[in-house]
């Protein structure tokens, strides 16, 4: 498993992120609302969303700030923003801007935004400490940043099960290093980054949930393709069927009646300039 996806890998992944992006409003808005509230975002605010991808939480932020505010959805890979652009057009959101740039070197002046957010993107940064310093730099005095990262793999059922099955099928691609998405899984590690970047009023908490999905829905298809799509394209129809069967069997242990019950663990940290 690659610890750091290359430019080419992100370009390949973008097709699947766009494919599985919602048509309009978020279908996983609970996490967006948590992040928005912790970043103190309200009507009329100007917000920067880093590693915005297909628009989580940028679309939800645009709906929160309203016509008097704005959201700049930033991603290093323009292809990743295709879903966010489409969703914004569907919802007729005229308060969204799109910027292709690296989160470590933001093309904005100091003191530009009321809030900065990032949902599951900091792990992909080539220099997370620099990203947090930049986030603080572009905040207005008193502005707030809120970042969300994945928690421990063992408490994220969906991710852990898929990783075990897929890596068993692609052993030649599995590296010894932990994937980057787990960089801030340990309590305190995300908060330490905020402290080091010079934020004030820093906080951190773990978000634990039980997510339910209907039996037989193959709910895992979205994450499977977004994370491993380029690998799956190397499989013939027989091997793909074998993989789907193996995933379904692996999730059987989490089936309770007619629904799957899946643990989810994420970390969120925030701070004020």
Protein backbone atom coordinates (compact mmCIF):
# COMPACT_ATOMS: atom_id res chain seq x y z
CA UNK A 1 0.00 0.00 0.00
CA UNK A 2 1.45 3.31 -1.08
CA UNK A 3 2.17 5.65 1.79
CA UNK A 4 1.99 8.70 -0.47
CA UNK A 5 -0.12 8.69 -3.67
CA UNK A 6 1.66 10.23 -6.65
CA UNK A 7 0.32 12.94 -8.94
CA UNK A 8 -0.62 10.23 -11.44
CA UNK A 9 -2.45 8.23 -8.77
CA UNK A 10 -4.49 11.25 -7.67
CA UNK A 11 -5.41 11.93 -11.30
CA UNK A 12 -6.60 8.34 -11.64
CA UNK A 13 -8.50 8.52 -8.35
CA UNK A 14 -10.29 11.70 -9.40
CA UNK A 15 -12.47 9.76 -11.84
CA UNK A 16 -13.84 7.65 -9.00
CA UNK A 17 -14.25 10.58 -6.60
CA UNK A 18 -16.34 12.34 -9.24
CA UNK A 19 -18.31 9.16 -9.96
CA UNK A 20 -19.32 8.73 -6.32
CA UNK A 21 -19.82 12.40 -5.42
CA UNK A 22 -23.38 13.33 -4.40
CA UNK A 23 -25.49 15.14 -6.97
CA UNK A 24 -26.08 18.08 -4.65
CA UNK A 25 -26.07 18.35 -0.87
CA UNK A 26 -23.88 16.01 1.17
CA UNK A 27 -25.15 12.58 2.16
CA UNK A 28 -22.58 12.43 4.97
CA UNK A 29 -23.33 15.84 6.40
CA UNK A 30 -22.98 14.89 10.09
CA UNK A 31 -19.19 15.17 9.94
CA UNK A 32 -19.39 18.36 7.92
CA UNK A 33 -21.65 19.99 10.50
CA UNK A 34 -19.27 19.04 13.31
CA UNK A 35 -16.33 20.60 11.47
CA UNK A 36 -18.28 23.70 10.50
CA UNK A 37 -19.43 24.31 14.07
CA UNK A 38 -15.97 23.78 15.55
CA UNK A 39 -14.52 26.24 13.03
CA UNK A 40 -17.14 28.76 14.15
CA UNK A 41 -18.50 29.29 10.63
CA UNK A 42 -21.60 31.44 10.30
CA UNK A 43 -23.61 33.42 7.79
CA UNK A 44 -21.56 35.89 5.77
CA UNK A 45 -18.15 34.33 6.49
CA UNK A 46 -15.40 33.93 3.91
CA UNK A 47 -14.00 30.41 4.22
CA UNK A 48 -11.12 28.46 2.72
CA UNK A 49 -11.55 24.68 2.43
CA UNK A 50 -8.28 22.78 1.88
CA UNK A 51 -7.98 19.52 -0.08
CA UNK A 52 -11.62 20.05 -0.96
CA UNK A 53 -11.86 17.25 -3.52
CA UNK A 54 -15.47 16.61 -4.50
CA UNK A 55 -16.71 19.25 -2.08
CA UNK A 56 -16.70 17.92 1.48
CA UNK A 57 -17.29 20.08 3.44
CA UNK A 58 -17.15 22.99 0.95
CA UNK A 59 -20.70 22.48 -0.35
CA UNK A 60 -22.13 22.35 3.18
CA UNK A 61 -20.12 25.46 4.10
CA UNK A 62 -21.48 27.34 1.08
CA UNK A 63 -25.00 26.56 2.24
CA UNK A 64 -24.15 27.73 5.77
CA UNK A 65 -22.51 31.07 4.87
CA UNK A 66 -25.18 32.03 2.36
CA UNK A 67 -25.08 34.63 -0.39
CA UNK A 68 -23.28 37.11 1.84
CA UNK A 69 -20.32 34.78 2.36
CA UNK A 70 -17.97 32.79 0.15
CA UNK A 71 -16.15 29.48 0.05
CA UNK A 72 -12.89 28.84 -1.80
CA UNK A 73 -12.51 25.12 -2.53
CA UNK A 74 -8.79 24.40 -2.96
CA UNK A 75 -7.10 21.24 -4.17
CA UNK A 76 -3.67 20.48 -5.58
CA UNK A 77 -5.24 18.39 -8.34
CA UNK A 78 -7.77 20.15 -10.55
CA UNK A 79 -9.36 16.87 -11.58
CA UNK A 80 -10.37 16.24 -7.96
CA UNK A 81 -12.55 19.36 -7.98
CA UNK A 82 -14.79 18.14 -10.83
CA UNK A 83 -17.42 16.79 -8.46
CA UNK A 84 -17.45 19.95 -6.36
CA UNK A 85 -17.91 22.13 -9.43
CA UNK A 86 -20.78 19.97 -10.67
CA UNK A 87 -22.49 19.96 -7.29
CA UNK A 88 -22.16 23.73 -6.95
CA UNK A 89 -23.75 24.16 -10.38
CA UNK A 90 -26.60 21.78 -9.51
CA UNK A 91 -27.34 23.69 -6.30
CA UNK A 92 -26.87 27.05 -8.06
CA UNK A 93 -24.30 28.13 -5.50
CA UNK A 94 -22.82 31.41 -6.67
CA UNK A 95 -20.72 31.88 -3.55
CA UNK A 96 -18.12 29.23 -4.41
CA UNK A 97 -14.68 29.74 -5.92
CA UNK A 98 -12.22 27.06 -7.01
CA UNK A 99 -8.44 27.21 -6.66
CA UNK A 100 -5.81 24.74 -7.80
CA UNK A 101 -2.84 25.00 -5.44
CA UNK A 102 -0.88 23.06 -2.86
CA UNK A 103 -2.05 23.45 0.70
CA UNK A 104 1.55 23.93 1.86
CA UNK A 105 1.90 27.17 -0.17
CA UNK A 106 -1.40 29.03 -0.23
CA UNK A 107 -1.75 31.75 -2.91
CA UNK A 108 -3.55 34.17 -0.62
CA UNK A 109 -2.56 37.24 1.36
CA UNK A 110 -2.28 37.24 5.13
CA UNK A 111 -5.52 37.78 7.08
CA UNK A 112 -7.87 36.83 4.21
CA UNK A 113 -10.36 34.31 5.62
CA UNK A 114 -12.71 34.09 8.58
CA UNK A 115 -12.21 30.31 8.80
CA UNK A 116 -10.13 27.51 7.27
CA UNK A 117 -11.32 23.91 7.13
CA UNK A 118 -9.92 20.59 5.98
CA UNK A 119 -11.73 17.25 6.08
CA UNK A 120 -9.47 14.21 5.70
CA UNK A 121 -6.89 16.12 3.66
CA UNK A 122 -4.10 17.01 6.07
CA UNK A 123 -2.85 13.43 6.01
CA UNK A 124 -1.96 13.84 2.33
CA UNK A 125 0.11 16.97 2.86
CA UNK A 126 3.78 16.72 1.99
CA UNK A 127 4.47 18.96 4.99
CA UNK A 128 1.61 19.00 7.50
CA UNK A 129 3.38 21.47 9.80
CA UNK A 130 3.78 23.94 6.92
CA UNK A 131 0.13 23.46 5.95
CA UNK A 132 -1.03 24.38 9.45
CA UNK A 133 1.26 27.42 9.52
CA UNK A 134 -0.17 28.54 6.20
CA UNK A 135 -3.72 28.01 7.42
CA UNK A 136 -3.02 30.27 10.38
CA UNK A 137 -1.30 32.88 8.18
CA UNK A 138 -4.31 33.36 5.88
CA UNK A 139 -6.79 33.58 8.76
CA UNK A 140 -8.00 36.98 9.91
CA UNK A 141 -7.15 37.82 13.52
CA UNK A 142 -9.68 35.95 15.64
CA UNK A 143 -10.43 33.56 12.77
CA UNK A 144 -10.63 29.84 13.44
CA UNK A 145 -9.38 26.68 11.74
CA UNK A 146 -10.94 23.24 12.03
CA UNK A 147 -9.27 20.09 10.66
CA UNK A 148 -10.59 16.51 10.67
CA UNK A 149 -8.47 13.38 10.22
CA UNK A 150 -9.03 9.65 10.42
CA UNK A 151 -8.73 7.91 13.78
CA UNK A 152 -7.23 4.53 14.52
CA UNK A 153 -7.80 2.02 11.72
CA UNK A 154 -9.04 -0.69 14.08
CA UNK A 155 -12.02 1.49 15.05
CA UNK A 156 -12.89 2.35 11.46
CA UNK A 157 -14.62 -0.82 10.35
CA UNK A 158 -15.22 0.14 6.73
CA UNK A 159 -11.65 1.22 6.06
CA UNK A 160 -10.03 -1.63 8.01
CA UNK A 161 -12.07 -4.40 6.39
CA UNK A 162 -11.46 -3.09 2.88
CA UNK A 163 -7.74 -2.65 3.52
CA UNK A 164 -7.39 -6.23 4.78
CA UNK A 165 -9.24 -7.76 1.84
CA UNK A 166 -7.72 -5.62 -0.90
CA UNK A 167 -4.18 -5.91 0.43
CA UNK A 168 -4.61 -9.66 0.59
CA UNK A 169 -5.46 -9.62 -3.10
CA UNK A 170 -2.63 -7.23 -4.06
CA UNK A 171 0.24 -8.33 -1.79
CA UNK A 172 2.84 -7.04 -4.24
CA UNK A 173 1.56 -3.49 -3.75
CA UNK A 174 1.54 -3.53 0.02
CA UNK A 175 4.37 -1.55 1.58
CA UNK A 176 5.76 -1.80 5.09
CA UNK A 177 4.90 1.79 5.97
CA UNK A 178 1.56 2.82 7.39
CA UNK A 179 -0.51 4.73 4.80
CA UNK A 180 -0.52 8.49 5.16
CA UNK A 181 -4.21 8.58 6.01
CA UNK A 182 -3.30 7.23 9.47
CA UNK A 183 -0.71 9.91 10.30
CA UNK A 184 -2.84 11.62 12.95
CA UNK A 185 -4.65 8.60 14.31
CA UNK A 186 -3.14 8.86 17.80
CA UNK A 187 -4.87 11.18 20.29
CA UNK A 188 -2.88 14.37 20.80
CA UNK A 189 -0.99 14.26 17.51
CA UNK A 190 -3.31 16.59 15.62
CA UNK A 191 -3.54 19.00 18.53
CA UNK A 192 0.25 19.06 18.77
CA UNK A 193 0.38 20.27 15.16
CA UNK A 194 -1.99 23.14 15.93
CA UNK A 195 0.05 24.10 18.98
CA UNK A 196 3.29 24.06 16.99
CA UNK A 197 1.74 26.24 14.27
CA UNK A 198 1.01 28.94 16.84
CA UNK A 199 -2.76 28.65 17.18
CA UNK A 200 -4.47 29.81 20.36
CA UNK A 201 -7.43 28.20 22.14
CA UNK A 202 -6.50 24.83 20.67
CA UNK A 203 -8.75 21.86 21.23
CA UNK A 204 -9.04 18.27 20.07
CA UNK A 205 -11.57 15.49 20.41
CA UNK A 206 -12.29 12.07 19.06
CA UNK A 207 -15.54 11.49 17.21
CA UNK A 208 -16.86 7.98 17.73
CA UNK A 209 -19.94 6.77 15.87
CA UNK A 210 -21.74 3.62 14.87
CA UNK A 211 -22.78 3.85 11.23
CA UNK A 212 -25.51 1.54 9.93
CA UNK A 213 -25.95 0.33 6.36
CA UNK A 214 -28.60 -1.92 4.83
CA UNK A 215 -27.72 -5.57 4.25
CA UNK A 216 -27.06 -6.39 0.61
CA UNK A 217 -26.45 -2.76 -0.35
CA UNK A 218 -22.75 -3.17 -1.13
CA UNK A 219 -22.23 0.14 0.66
CA UNK A 220 -18.48 -0.29 0.45
CA UNK A 221 -18.32 0.17 -3.33
CA UNK A 222 -17.81 3.95 -3.10
CA UNK A 223 -14.78 3.85 -0.79
CA UNK A 224 -13.39 0.76 -2.52
CA UNK A 225 -13.30 2.53 -5.87
CA UNK A 226 -12.21 5.94 -4.54
CA UNK A 227 -9.27 4.42 -2.69
CA UNK A 228 -8.29 1.47 -4.88
CA UNK A 229 -9.89 2.20 -8.25
CA UNK A 230 -6.70 2.04 -10.30
CA UNK A 231 -5.88 -1.34 -8.75
CA UNK A 232 -9.34 -2.70 -9.49
CA UNK A 233 -9.01 -1.81 -13.15
CA UNK A 234 -6.29 -4.45 -13.47
CA UNK A 235 -8.73 -7.22 -12.48
CA UNK A 236 -10.72 -9.29 -14.95
CA UNK A 237 -14.43 -9.97 -14.33
CA UNK A 238 -13.76 -13.22 -12.49
CA UNK A 239 -11.23 -11.67 -10.10
CA UNK A 240 -13.49 -8.67 -9.48
CA UNK A 241 -16.35 -11.02 -8.57
CA UNK A 242 -14.00 -12.88 -6.27
CA UNK A 243 -12.98 -9.63 -4.59
CA UNK A 244 -16.61 -8.55 -4.10
CA UNK A 245 -17.43 -11.93 -2.57
CA UNK A 246 -14.44 -11.69 -0.23
CA UNK A 247 -15.46 -8.20 0.90
CA UNK A 248 -19.04 -9.29 1.51
CA UNK A 249 -17.84 -12.27 3.53
CA UNK A 250 -15.51 -10.04 5.58
CA UNK A 251 -18.36 -7.68 6.46
CA UNK A 252 -20.66 -10.56 7.50
CA UNK A 253 -19.24 -10.39 11.03
CA UNK A 254 -20.71 -6.89 11.35
CA UNK A 255 -24.23 -7.82 10.24
CA UNK A 256 -26.95 -7.38 12.86
CA UNK A 257 -30.28 -8.52 11.47
CA UNK A 258 -30.96 -6.61 8.26
CA UNK A 259 -28.29 -3.95 8.84
CA UNK A 260 -24.54 -3.69 9.17
CA UNK A 261 -23.22 -1.91 12.25
CA UNK A 262 -19.86 -0.27 11.58
CA UNK A 263 -17.58 1.58 13.99
CA UNK A 264 -16.21 4.94 12.89
CA UNK A 265 -13.47 6.93 14.65
CA UNK A 266 -12.18 10.33 13.57
CA UNK A 267 -10.11 13.08 15.17
CA UNK A 268 -10.87 16.78 14.98
CA UNK A 269 -8.79 19.70 16.16
CA UNK A 270 -9.33 23.45 16.08
CA UNK A 271 -7.59 26.67 16.98
CA UNK A 272 -7.89 30.45 16.78
CA UNK A 273 -5.45 32.99 15.33
